């Protein structure tokens, strides 16, 4: 038992040391069971949350070395609405322009334990259907990812010193 604890402690120390050299990104979902719009199917829901986490982690790699990003997602409303197709899986359709994507979050950018910037944001893209720069390689979340990318560039990278 103490061997497992020792290995865990060593891994934590190594992870802290690695954070000094590159950005560390932490993504937390606050009460995801209460989110406005996630797929009903557990596996699909987990997939959406995982894909959002992965994308935020990828964006965090653009931060200067030593800066850390913490994201707390408090609500998600995906573009369109989910309609069951078979065995609880959903097909997502945007039947009108009022079904835009929206994500509520809080963020903190820090370095060496000091907060460099922080805030709460309501990301939304009410013009999602008229844009031509959507990237199909982002799959099911292509509208949400574009919205997050624009916010990250404007809010996080513009505020990042260095």
Protein backbone atom coordinates (compact mmCIF):
# COMPACT_ATOMS: atom_id res chain seq x y z
CA UNK A 1 0.00 0.00 0.00
CA UNK A 2 2.75 2.47 0.95
CA UNK A 3 4.50 1.63 -2.34
CA UNK A 4 1.43 2.77 -4.27
CA UNK A 5 1.25 5.98 -2.23
CA UNK A 6 4.98 6.59 -2.81
CA UNK A 7 4.62 6.12 -6.56
CA UNK A 8 1.62 8.44 -6.61
CA UNK A 9 3.52 11.10 -4.65
CA UNK A 10 6.51 10.79 -6.99
CA UNK A 11 4.25 11.14 -10.03
CA UNK A 12 2.68 14.27 -8.50
CA UNK A 13 6.10 15.83 -7.87
CA UNK A 14 7.21 15.06 -11.43
CA UNK A 15 3.98 16.51 -12.81
CA UNK A 16 4.50 19.71 -10.82
CA UNK A 17 8.02 20.02 -12.19
CA UNK A 18 6.76 19.54 -15.73
CA UNK A 19 4.23 22.36 -15.23
CA UNK A 20 7.06 24.86 -14.94
CA UNK A 21 8.26 24.08 -18.45
CA UNK A 22 4.92 24.02 -20.27
CA UNK A 23 1.32 25.05 -19.84
CA UNK A 24 -0.86 22.90 -17.62
CA UNK A 25 -4.53 22.82 -18.55
CA UNK A 26 -7.25 21.70 -16.17
CA UNK A 27 -10.83 21.35 -17.39
CA UNK A 28 -13.62 20.75 -14.91
CA UNK A 29 -17.30 20.23 -15.71
CA UNK A 30 -19.46 21.67 -12.93
CA UNK A 31 -22.64 19.57 -12.49
CA UNK A 32 -22.74 18.28 -16.10
CA UNK A 33 -25.96 16.38 -15.34
CA UNK A 34 -27.65 19.82 -15.21
CA UNK A 35 -26.23 21.10 -18.50
CA UNK A 36 -28.90 22.48 -20.81
CA UNK A 37 -28.11 20.30 -23.80
CA UNK A 38 -25.98 17.18 -23.90
CA UNK A 39 -26.80 13.89 -25.61
CA UNK A 40 -29.07 11.55 -23.65
CA UNK A 41 -26.89 8.50 -24.27
CA UNK A 42 -24.20 8.22 -21.55
CA UNK A 43 -21.46 7.24 -24.00
CA UNK A 44 -22.25 10.12 -26.36
CA UNK A 45 -22.40 12.56 -23.43
CA UNK A 46 -18.99 11.40 -22.17
CA UNK A 47 -17.62 11.69 -25.70
CA UNK A 48 -18.74 15.33 -25.97
CA UNK A 49 -17.22 16.23 -22.60
CA UNK A 50 -13.99 14.38 -23.45
CA UNK A 51 -13.73 16.11 -26.84
CA UNK A 52 -14.25 19.52 -25.24
CA UNK A 53 -11.55 18.75 -22.64
CA UNK A 54 -9.11 17.59 -25.29
CA UNK A 55 -9.67 20.72 -27.33
CA UNK A 56 -9.09 23.06 -24.38
CA UNK A 57 -5.90 21.12 -23.57
CA UNK A 58 -4.74 21.52 -27.16
CA UNK A 59 -5.41 25.27 -27.04
CA UNK A 60 -3.52 25.55 -23.75
CA UNK A 61 -0.36 24.42 -25.52
CA UNK A 62 -0.33 27.86 -27.20
CA UNK A 63 0.24 29.59 -23.87
CA UNK A 64 3.74 30.72 -22.94
CA UNK A 65 5.77 28.19 -20.95
CA UNK A 66 4.97 28.27 -17.26
CA UNK A 67 1.41 29.55 -17.64
CA UNK A 68 -1.46 27.38 -16.51
CA UNK A 69 -5.07 27.46 -17.65
CA UNK A 70 -8.02 26.32 -15.56
CA UNK A 71 -11.43 26.08 -17.20
CA UNK A 72 -14.66 25.36 -15.33
CA UNK A 73 -17.51 24.64 -17.72
CA UNK A 74 -20.83 25.39 -16.05
CA UNK A 75 -23.22 24.83 -18.96
CA UNK A 76 -23.27 23.52 -22.51
CA UNK A 77 -25.93 24.01 -25.18
CA UNK A 78 -24.81 22.32 -28.38
CA UNK A 79 -25.86 23.60 -31.78
CA UNK A 80 -29.25 22.28 -32.86
CA UNK A 81 -31.25 19.63 -31.04
CA UNK A 82 -30.70 15.92 -30.63
CA UNK A 83 -33.26 13.56 -32.14
CA UNK A 84 -33.19 9.85 -31.28
CA UNK A 85 -32.36 7.61 -34.22
CA UNK A 86 -31.76 4.15 -32.74
CA UNK A 87 -30.96 2.64 -29.35
CA UNK A 88 -30.88 6.06 -27.64
CA UNK A 89 -28.23 7.45 -30.03
CA UNK A 90 -28.95 10.91 -31.37
CA UNK A 91 -28.74 12.75 -34.65
CA UNK A 92 -28.21 16.46 -34.09
CA UNK A 93 -30.05 18.84 -36.40
CA UNK A 94 -30.23 22.63 -36.44
CA UNK A 95 -33.71 23.26 -37.79
CA UNK A 96 -33.55 27.01 -37.34
CA UNK A 97 -31.00 29.72 -36.66
CA UNK A 98 -32.09 30.14 -33.03
CA UNK A 99 -30.42 26.84 -32.08
CA UNK A 100 -26.92 28.33 -31.84
CA UNK A 101 -24.14 26.85 -29.69
CA UNK A 102 -23.49 28.25 -26.23
CA UNK A 103 -21.00 27.39 -23.46
CA UNK A 104 -20.82 29.03 -20.03
CA UNK A 105 -17.44 28.90 -18.35
CA UNK A 106 -15.07 30.43 -15.85
CA UNK A 107 -11.35 30.62 -16.57
CA UNK A 108 -8.11 31.43 -14.81
CA UNK A 109 -4.69 31.89 -16.37
CA UNK A 110 -1.92 31.73 -13.79
CA UNK A 111 1.83 31.46 -13.51
CA UNK A 112 3.89 30.58 -10.45
CA UNK A 113 0.75 30.60 -8.31
CA UNK A 114 -0.26 34.13 -9.35
CA UNK A 115 -3.45 34.85 -11.31
CA UNK A 116 -2.66 36.67 -14.55
CA UNK A 117 -6.25 36.87 -15.78
CA UNK A 118 -9.60 35.36 -14.95
CA UNK A 119 -13.25 35.79 -15.72
CA UNK A 120 -16.61 34.25 -16.48
CA UNK A 121 -17.83 34.03 -20.05
CA UNK A 122 -20.95 33.07 -21.94
CA UNK A 123 -19.66 31.92 -25.33
CA UNK A 124 -22.25 31.90 -28.09
CA UNK A 125 -22.25 32.01 -31.84
CA UNK A 126 -25.62 33.28 -33.02
CA UNK A 127 -24.29 33.45 -36.60
CA UNK A 128 -23.09 29.84 -36.71
CA UNK A 129 -25.27 28.97 -39.71
CA UNK A 130 -24.08 31.80 -41.96
CA UNK A 131 -20.34 31.30 -41.47
CA UNK A 132 -18.27 29.61 -44.12
CA UNK A 133 -15.14 28.90 -42.06
CA UNK A 134 -16.47 25.77 -40.34
CA UNK A 135 -13.91 22.95 -40.25
CA UNK A 136 -15.47 19.53 -40.84
CA UNK A 137 -12.44 17.76 -39.34
CA UNK A 138 -13.73 18.89 -35.93
CA UNK A 139 -16.62 16.47 -36.38
CA UNK A 140 -19.80 16.78 -34.35
CA UNK A 141 -18.49 19.74 -32.36
CA UNK A 142 -17.26 21.80 -35.31
CA UNK A 143 -19.42 24.83 -34.46
CA UNK A 144 -18.60 24.69 -30.75
CA UNK A 145 -14.87 24.28 -31.43
CA UNK A 146 -14.82 27.25 -33.79
CA UNK A 147 -16.60 29.32 -31.12
CA UNK A 148 -14.10 28.22 -28.45
CA UNK A 149 -11.14 28.91 -30.76
CA UNK A 150 -12.34 32.48 -31.42
CA UNK A 151 -12.88 33.12 -27.70
CA UNK A 152 -9.48 31.65 -26.79
CA UNK A 153 -7.64 33.78 -29.34
CA UNK A 154 -9.48 36.98 -28.39
CA UNK A 155 -9.64 36.54 -24.62
CA UNK A 156 -6.84 34.26 -23.46
CA UNK A 157 -4.04 34.83 -25.97
CA UNK A 158 -4.63 38.60 -26.16
CA UNK A 159 -4.36 38.84 -22.36
CA UNK A 160 -1.38 36.47 -22.05
CA UNK A 161 1.75 38.45 -21.16
CA UNK A 162 4.99 37.47 -22.80
